[in-house]
Amino acid sequence: MGLPAKQRTRQSRDERRSHHALKKITTKTCEKCGAPALSHQACAKCGTYKGKQVVNIEKRLKRSSRKTKTA
């Protein structure tokens, strides 16, 4: 089993970890309902994207409740 020839310094270790930080999630407000929503995705509350209805929320709620009842 291989072992490192020399110990890595604290600086080189921390430089390697500099890209491990979490990025802040950017949100926007929905044009229709005003709820916070992720950019470039349909609103989870009302199902609109760029002013158009793209997701049927009532149908999705029925489907998710049906899954929880059987489980």
PDB file of N, CA and C in Angstrom:
ATOM      1  N   MET A   1       0.838  -1.170   0.000  1.00  0.00           N
ATOM      2  CA  MET A   1       0.000   0.000   0.000  1.00  0.00           C
ATOM      3  C   MET A   1       0.890   1.242   0.000  1.00  0.00           C
ATOM      4  N   GLY A   2       0.622   2.154  -0.943  1.00  0.00           N
ATOM      5  CA  GLY A   2       1.469   3.327  -1.082  1.00  0.00           C
ATOM      6  C   GLY A   2       1.199   4.372  -0.017  1.00  0.00           C
ATOM      7  N   LEU A   3       2.242   5.047   0.370  1.00  0.00           N
ATOM      8  CA  LEU A   3       2.132   6.138   1.336  1.00  0.00           C
ATOM      9  C   LEU A   3       2.755   7.389   0.730  1.00  0.00           C
ATOM     10  N   PRO A   4       2.295   8.571   1.119  1.00  0.00           N
ATOM     11  CA  PRO A   4       2.897   9.785   0.579  1.00  0.00           C
ATOM     12  C   PRO A   4       4.341   9.938   1.056  1.00  0.00           C
ATOM     13  N   ALA A   5       5.191  10.401   0.144  1.00  0.00           N
ATOM     14  CA  ALA A   5       6.606  10.557   0.490  1.00  0.00           C
ATOM     15  C   ALA A   5       6.814  11.709   1.468  1.00  0.00           C
ATOM     16  N   LYS A   6       6.025  12.784   1.316  1.00  0.00           N
ATOM     17  CA  LYS A   6       6.160  13.933   2.205  1.00  0.00           C
ATOM     18  C   LYS A   6       4.775  14.392   2.644  1.00  0.00           C
ATOM     19  N   GLN A   7       4.728  14.987   3.815  1.00  0.00           N
ATOM     20  CA  GLN A   7       3.462  15.470   4.340  1.00  0.00           C
ATOM     21  C   GLN A   7       3.045  16.718   3.565  1.00  0.00           C
ATOM     22  N   ARG A   8       1.767  16.816   3.222  1.00  0.00           N
ATOM     23  CA  ARG A   8       1.262  18.013   2.544  1.00  0.00           C
ATOM     24  C   ARG A   8       1.142  19.144   3.551  1.00  0.00           C
ATOM     25  N   THR A   9       1.475  20.333   3.130  1.00  0.00           N
ATOM     26  CA  THR A   9       1.405  21.472   4.038  1.00  0.00           C
ATOM     27  C   THR A   9      -0.039  21.903   4.216  1.00  0.00           C
ATOM     28  N   ARG A  10      -0.283  22.658   5.283  1.00  0.00           N
ATOM     29  CA  ARG A  10      -1.639  23.166   5.528  1.00  0.00           C
ATOM     30  C   ARG A  10      -2.098  24.053   4.380  1.00  0.00           C
ATOM     31  N   GLN A  11      -1.190  24.813   3.823  1.00  0.00           N
ATOM     32  CA  GLN A  11      -1.544  25.727   2.741  1.00  0.00           C
ATOM     33  C   GLN A  11      -1.994  24.955   1.499  1.00  0.00           C
ATOM     34  N   SER A  12      -1.239  23.935   1.103  1.00  0.00           N
ATOM     35  CA  SER A  12      -1.623  23.189  -0.100  1.00  0.00           C
ATOM     36  C   SER A  12      -2.914  22.421   0.133  1.00  0.00           C
ATOM     37  N   ARG A  13      -3.114  21.934   1.355  1.00  0.00           N
ATOM     38  CA  ARG A  13      -4.368  21.246   1.686  1.00  0.00           C
ATOM     39  C   ARG A  13      -5.546  22.206   1.558  1.00  0.00           C
ATOM     40  N   ASP A  14      -5.408  23.409   2.112  1.00  0.00           N
ATOM     41  CA  ASP A  14      -6.497  24.386   2.075  1.00  0.00           C
ATOM     42  C   ASP A  14      -6.725  24.931   0.673  1.00  0.00           C
ATOM     43  N   GLU A  15      -5.661  25.047  -0.119  1.00  0.00           N
ATOM     44  CA  GLU A  15      -5.822  25.486  -1.508  1.00  0.00           C
ATOM     45  C   GLU A  15      -6.625  24.457  -2.304  1.00  0.00           C
ATOM     46  N   ARG A  16      -6.407  23.199  -2.032  1.00  0.00           N
ATOM     47  CA  ARG A  16      -7.169  22.144  -2.703  1.00  0.00           C
ATOM     48  C   ARG A  16      -8.646  22.227  -2.313  1.00  0.00           C
ATOM     49  N   ARG A  17      -8.905  22.547  -1.059  1.00  0.00           N
ATOM     50  CA  ARG A  17     -10.284  22.593  -0.565  1.00  0.00           C
ATOM     51  C   ARG A  17     -10.990  23.909  -0.868  1.00  0.00           C
ATOM     52  N   SER A  18     -10.349  24.833  -1.550  1.00  0.00           N
ATOM     53  CA  SER A  18     -10.948  26.146  -1.785  1.00  0.00           C
ATOM     54  C   SER A  18     -12.204  26.060  -2.652  1.00  0.00           C
ATOM     55  N   HIS A  19     -12.343  25.004  -3.450  1.00  0.00           N
ATOM     56  CA  HIS A  19     -13.502  24.856  -4.336  1.00  0.00           C
ATOM     57  C   HIS A  19     -14.616  24.037  -3.698  1.00  0.00           C
ATOM     58  N   HIS A  20     -14.455  23.633  -2.436  1.00  0.00           N
ATOM     59  CA  HIS A  20     -15.457  22.786  -1.782  1.00  0.00           C
ATOM     60  C   HIS A  20     -16.596  23.575  -1.142  1.00  0.00           C
ATOM     61  N   ALA A  21     -16.509  24.912  -1.170  1.00  0.00           N
ATOM     62  CA  ALA A  21     -17.527  25.729  -0.514  1.00  0.00           C
ATOM     63  C   ALA A  21     -18.862  25.590  -1.255  1.00  0.00           C
ATOM     64  N   LEU A  22     -19.965  25.676  -0.522  1.00  0.00           N
ATOM     65  CA  LEU A  22     -21.292  25.597  -1.114  1.00  0.00           C
ATOM     66  C   LEU A  22     -21.639  26.917  -1.784  1.00  0.00           C
ATOM     67  N   LYS A  23     -22.309  26.826  -2.919  1.00  0.00           N
ATOM     68  CA  LYS A  23     -22.736  28.015  -3.645  1.00  0.00           C
ATOM     69  C   LYS A  23     -24.112  28.442  -3.141  1.00  0.00           C
ATOM     70  N   LYS A  24     -24.367  29.729  -3.110  1.00  0.00           N
ATOM     71  CA  LYS A  24     -25.658  30.241  -2.676  1.00  0.00           C
ATOM     72  C   LYS A  24     -26.683  30.008  -3.783  1.00  0.00           C
ATOM     73  N   ILE A  25     -27.863  29.530  -3.417  1.00  0.00           N
ATOM     74  CA  ILE A  25     -28.922  29.263  -4.382  1.00  0.00           C
ATOM     75  C   ILE A  25     -29.621  30.572  -4.711  1.00  0.00           C
ATOM     76  N   THR A  26     -29.706  30.887  -5.992  1.00  0.00           N
ATOM     77  CA  THR A  26     -30.383  32.114  -6.407  1.00  0.00           C
ATOM     78  C   THR A  26     -31.839  31.793  -6.738  1.00  0.00           C
ATOM     79  N   THR A  27     -32.732  32.583  -6.187  1.00  0.00           N
ATOM     80  CA  THR A  27     -34.156  32.400  -6.445  1.00  0.00           C
ATOM     81  C   THR A  27     -34.733  33.677  -7.020  1.00  0.00           C
ATOM     82  N   LYS A  28     -35.878  33.548  -7.633  1.00  0.00           N
ATOM     83  CA  LYS A  28     -36.618  34.696  -8.138  1.00  0.00           C
ATOM     84  C   LYS A  28     -38.043  34.596  -7.603  1.00  0.00           C
ATOM     85  N   THR A  29     -38.798  35.668  -7.711  1.00  0.00           N
ATOM     86  CA  THR A  29     -40.193  35.613  -7.288  1.00  0.00           C
ATOM     87  C   THR A  29     -41.063  35.271  -8.489  1.00  0.00           C
ATOM     88  N   CYS A  30     -42.042  34.439  -8.261  1.00  0.00           N
ATOM     89  CA  CYS A  30     -42.958  34.034  -9.321  1.00  0.00           C
ATOM     90  C   CYS A  30     -43.790  35.235  -9.767  1.00  0.00           C
ATOM     91  N   GLU A  31     -43.967  35.387 -11.076  1.00  0.00           N
ATOM     92  CA  GLU A  31     -44.736  36.514 -11.606  1.00  0.00           C
ATOM     93  C   GLU A  31     -46.219  36.418 -11.230  1.00  0.00           C
ATOM     94  N   LYS A  32     -46.735  35.208 -11.119  1.00  0.00           N
ATOM     95  CA  LYS A  32     -48.161  35.025 -10.875  1.00  0.00           C
ATOM     96  C   LYS A  32     -48.509  35.037  -9.389  1.00  0.00           C
ATOM     97  N   CYS A  33     -47.828  34.195  -8.587  1.00  0.00           N
ATOM     98  CA  CYS A  33     -48.226  34.057  -7.182  1.00  0.00           C
ATOM     99  C   CYS A  33     -47.272  34.744  -6.206  1.00  0.00           C
ATOM    100  N   GLY A  34     -46.093  35.146  -6.654  1.00  0.00           N
ATOM    101  CA  GLY A  34     -45.152  35.838  -5.787  1.00  0.00           C
ATOM    102  C   GLY A  34     -44.334  34.944  -4.873  1.00  0.00           C
ATOM    103  N   ALA A  35     -44.458  33.647  -5.024  1.00  0.00           N
ATOM    104  CA  ALA A  35     -43.689  32.714  -4.195  1.00  0.00           C
ATOM    105  C   ALA A  35     -42.247  32.628  -4.712  1.00  0.00           C
ATOM    106  N   PRO A  36     -41.279  32.362  -3.839  1.00  0.00           N
ATOM    107  CA  PRO A  36     -39.906  32.195  -4.331  1.00  0.00           C
ATOM    108  C   PRO A  36     -39.792  30.916  -5.157  1.00  0.00           C
ATOM    109  N   ALA A  37     -39.091  31.023  -6.293  1.00  0.00           N
ATOM    110  CA  ALA A  37     -38.935  29.882  -7.188  1.00  0.00           C
ATOM    111  C   ALA A  37     -37.512  29.863  -7.720  1.00  0.00           C
ATOM    112  N   LEU A  38     -37.032  28.679  -8.063  1.00  0.00           N
ATOM    113  CA  LEU A  38     -35.709  28.554  -8.643  1.00  0.00           C
ATOM    114  C   LEU A  38     -35.699  29.144 -10.043  1.00  0.00           C
ATOM    115  N   SER A  39     -34.583  29.733 -10.434  1.00  0.00           N
ATOM    116  CA  SER A  39     -34.456  30.313 -11.763  1.00  0.00           C
ATOM    117  C   SER A  39     -34.509  29.223 -12.826  1.00  0.00           C
ATOM    118  N   HIS A  40     -35.107  29.534 -13.966  1.00  0.00           N
ATOM    119  CA  HIS A  40     -35.199  28.646 -15.126  1.00  0.00           C
ATOM    120  C   HIS A  40     -35.947  27.356 -14.819  1.00  0.00           C
ATOM    121  N   GLN A  41     -36.851  27.391 -13.837  1.00  0.00           N
ATOM    122  CA  GLN A  41     -37.685  26.239 -13.533  1.00  0.00           C
ATOM    123  C   GLN A  41     -39.109  26.716 -13.253  1.00  0.00           C
ATOM    124  N   ALA A  42     -40.065  25.820 -13.430  1.00  0.00           N
ATOM    125  CA  ALA A  42     -41.452  26.150 -13.164  1.00  0.00           C
ATOM    126  C   ALA A  42     -41.674  26.362 -11.670  1.00  0.00           C
ATOM    127  N   CYS A  43     -42.612  27.247 -11.326  1.00  0.00           N
ATOM    128  CA  CYS A  43     -42.935  27.535  -9.931  1.00  0.00           C
ATOM    129  C   CYS A  43     -43.569  26.296  -9.299  1.00  0.00           C
ATOM    130  N   ALA A  44     -43.134  25.951  -8.107  1.00  0.00           N
ATOM    131  CA  ALA A  44     -43.654  24.766  -7.425  1.00  0.00           C
ATOM    132  C   ALA A  44     -45.053  25.004  -6.873  1.00  0.00           C
ATOM    133  N   LYS A  45     -45.430  26.263  -6.619  1.00  0.00           N
ATOM    134  CA  LYS A  45     -46.731  26.567  -6.027  1.00  0.00           C
ATOM    135  C   LYS A  45     -47.843  26.624  -7.064  1.00  0.00           C
ATOM    136  N   CYS A  46     -47.599  27.334  -8.199  1.00  0.00           N
ATOM    137  CA  CYS A  46     -48.678  27.523  -9.171  1.00  0.00           C
ATOM    138  C   CYS A  46     -48.419  26.830 -10.504  1.00  0.00           C
ATOM    139  N   GLY A  47     -47.187  26.382 -10.786  1.00  0.00           N
ATOM    140  CA  GLY A  47     -46.895  25.628 -11.998  1.00  0.00           C
ATOM    141  C   GLY A  47     -46.710  26.464 -13.244  1.00  0.00           C
ATOM    142  N   THR A  48     -46.378  27.745 -13.111  1.00  0.00           N
ATOM    143  CA  THR A  48     -46.175  28.587 -14.282  1.00  0.00           C
ATOM    144  C   THR A  48     -44.691  28.788 -14.542  1.00  0.00           C
ATOM    145  N   TYR A  49     -44.373  29.037 -15.815  1.00  0.00           N
ATOM    146  CA  TYR A  49     -43.014  29.360 -16.224  1.00  0.00           C
ATOM    147  C   TYR A  49     -43.098  30.384 -17.342  1.00  0.00           C
ATOM    148  N   LYS A  50     -42.457  31.517 -17.136  1.00  0.00           N
ATOM    149  CA  LYS A  50     -42.476  32.635 -18.090  1.00  0.00           C
ATOM    150  C   LYS A  50     -43.909  33.052 -18.425  1.00  0.00           C
ATOM    151  N   GLY A  51     -44.768  33.071 -17.420  1.00  0.00           N
ATOM    152  CA  GLY A  51     -46.140  33.534 -17.599  1.00  0.00           C
ATOM    153  C   GLY A  51     -47.089  32.509 -18.188  1.00  0.00           C
ATOM    154  N   LYS A  52     -46.639  31.301 -18.457  1.00  0.00           N
ATOM    155  CA  LYS A  52     -47.496  30.271 -19.040  1.00  0.00           C
ATOM    156  C   LYS A  52     -47.659  29.112 -18.063  1.00  0.00           C
ATOM    157  N   GLN A  53     -48.842  28.501 -18.063  1.00  0.00           N
ATOM    158  CA  GLN A  53     -49.117  27.341 -17.214  1.00  0.00           C
ATOM    159  C   GLN A  53     -48.479  26.114 -17.857  1.00  0.00           C
ATOM    160  N   VAL A  54     -47.503  25.499 -17.190  1.00  0.00           N
ATOM    161  CA  VAL A  54     -46.805  24.348 -17.762  1.00  0.00           C
ATOM    162  C   VAL A  54     -46.974  23.080 -16.936  1.00  0.00           C
ATOM    163  N   VAL A  55     -47.367  23.207 -15.652  1.00  0.00           N
ATOM    164  CA  VAL A  55     -47.535  22.044 -14.787  1.00  0.00           C
ATOM    165  C   VAL A  55     -48.918  22.105 -14.159  1.00  0.00           C
ATOM    166  N   ASN A  56     -49.647  20.986 -14.215  1.00  0.00           N
ATOM    167  CA  ASN A  56     -50.951  20.909 -13.581  1.00  0.00           C
ATOM    168  C   ASN A  56     -50.726  20.522 -12.112  1.00  0.00           C
ATOM    169  N   ILE A  57     -50.832  21.496 -11.225  1.00  0.00           N
ATOM    170  CA  ILE A  57     -50.531  21.291  -9.810  1.00  0.00           C
ATOM    171  C   ILE A  57     -51.550  20.368  -9.137  1.00  0.00           C
ATOM    172  N   GLU A  58     -52.831  20.508  -9.482  1.00  0.00           N
ATOM    173  CA  GLU A  58     -53.863  19.664  -8.871  1.00  0.00           C
ATOM    174  C   GLU A  58     -53.619  18.190  -9.184  1.00  0.00           C
ATOM    175  N   LYS A  59     -53.275  17.899 -10.427  1.00  0.00           N
ATOM    176  CA  LYS A  59     -53.002  16.520 -10.824  1.00  0.00           C
ATOM    177  C   LYS A  59     -51.777  15.983 -10.088  1.00  0.00           C
ATOM    178  N   ARG A  60     -50.761  16.827  -9.951  1.00  0.00           N
ATOM    179  CA  ARG A  60     -49.542  16.409  -9.261  1.00  0.00           C
ATOM    180  C   ARG A  60     -49.816  16.128  -7.784  1.00  0.00           C
ATOM    181  N   LEU A  61     -50.647  16.953  -7.137  1.00  0.00           N
ATOM    182  CA  LEU A  61     -50.984  16.739  -5.725  1.00  0.00           C
ATOM    183  C   LEU A  61     -51.754  15.440  -5.532  1.00  0.00           C
ATOM    184  N   LYS A  62     -52.686  15.153  -6.448  1.00  0.00           N
ATOM    185  CA  LYS A  62     -53.433  13.893  -6.352  1.00  0.00           C
ATOM    186  C   LYS A  62     -52.501  12.697  -6.476  1.00  0.00           C
ATOM    187  N   ARG A  63     -51.560  12.786  -7.418  1.00  0.00           N
ATOM    188  CA  ARG A  63     -50.636  11.686  -7.625  1.00  0.00           C
ATOM    189  C   ARG A  63     -49.744  11.471  -6.411  1.00  0.00           C
ATOM    190  N   SER A  64     -49.252  12.563  -5.815  1.00  0.00           N
ATOM    191  CA  SER A  64     -48.362  12.418  -4.657  1.00  0.00           C
ATOM    192  C   SER A  64     -49.127  11.914  -3.430  1.00  0.00           C
ATOM    193  N   SER A  65     -50.395  12.333  -3.260  1.00  0.00           N
ATOM    194  CA  SER A  65     -51.166  11.852  -2.114  1.00  0.00           C
ATOM    195  C   SER A  65     -51.519  10.375  -2.284  1.00  0.00           C
ATOM    196  N   ARG A  66     -51.715   9.949  -3.504  1.00  0.00           N
ATOM    197  CA  ARG A  66     -52.017   8.551  -3.763  1.00  0.00           C
ATOM    198  C   ARG A  66     -50.819   7.672  -3.410  1.00  0.00           C
ATOM    199  N   LYS A  67     -49.612   8.155  -3.692  1.00  0.00           N
ATOM    200  CA  LYS A  67     -48.408   7.392  -3.365  1.00  0.00           C
ATOM    201  C   LYS A  67     -48.227   7.264  -1.848  1.00  0.00           C
ATOM    202  N   THR A  68     -48.528   8.314  -1.112  1.00  0.00           N
ATOM    203  CA  THR A  68     -48.329   8.261   0.336  1.00  0.00           C
ATOM    204  C   THR A  68     -49.359   7.374   1.022  1.00  0.00           C
ATOM    205  N   LYS A  69     -50.566   7.291   0.477  1.00  0.00           N
ATOM    206  CA  LYS A  69     -51.602   6.460   1.090  1.00  0.00           C
ATOM    207  C   LYS A  69     -51.273   4.988   0.957  1.00  0.00           C
ATOM    208  N   THR A  70     -50.723   4.562  -0.175  1.00  0.00           N
ATOM    209  CA  THR A  70     -50.439   3.144  -0.386  1.00  0.00           C
ATOM    210  C   THR A  70     -49.185   2.696   0.344  1.00  0.00           C
ATOM    211  N   ALA A  71     -48.290   3.630   0.634  1.00  0.00           N
ATOM    212  CA  ALA A  71     -47.014   3.258   1.272  1.00  0.00           C
ATOM    213  C   ALA A  71     -47.159   2.979   2.735  1.00  0.00           C
TER     214      ALA A  71
END
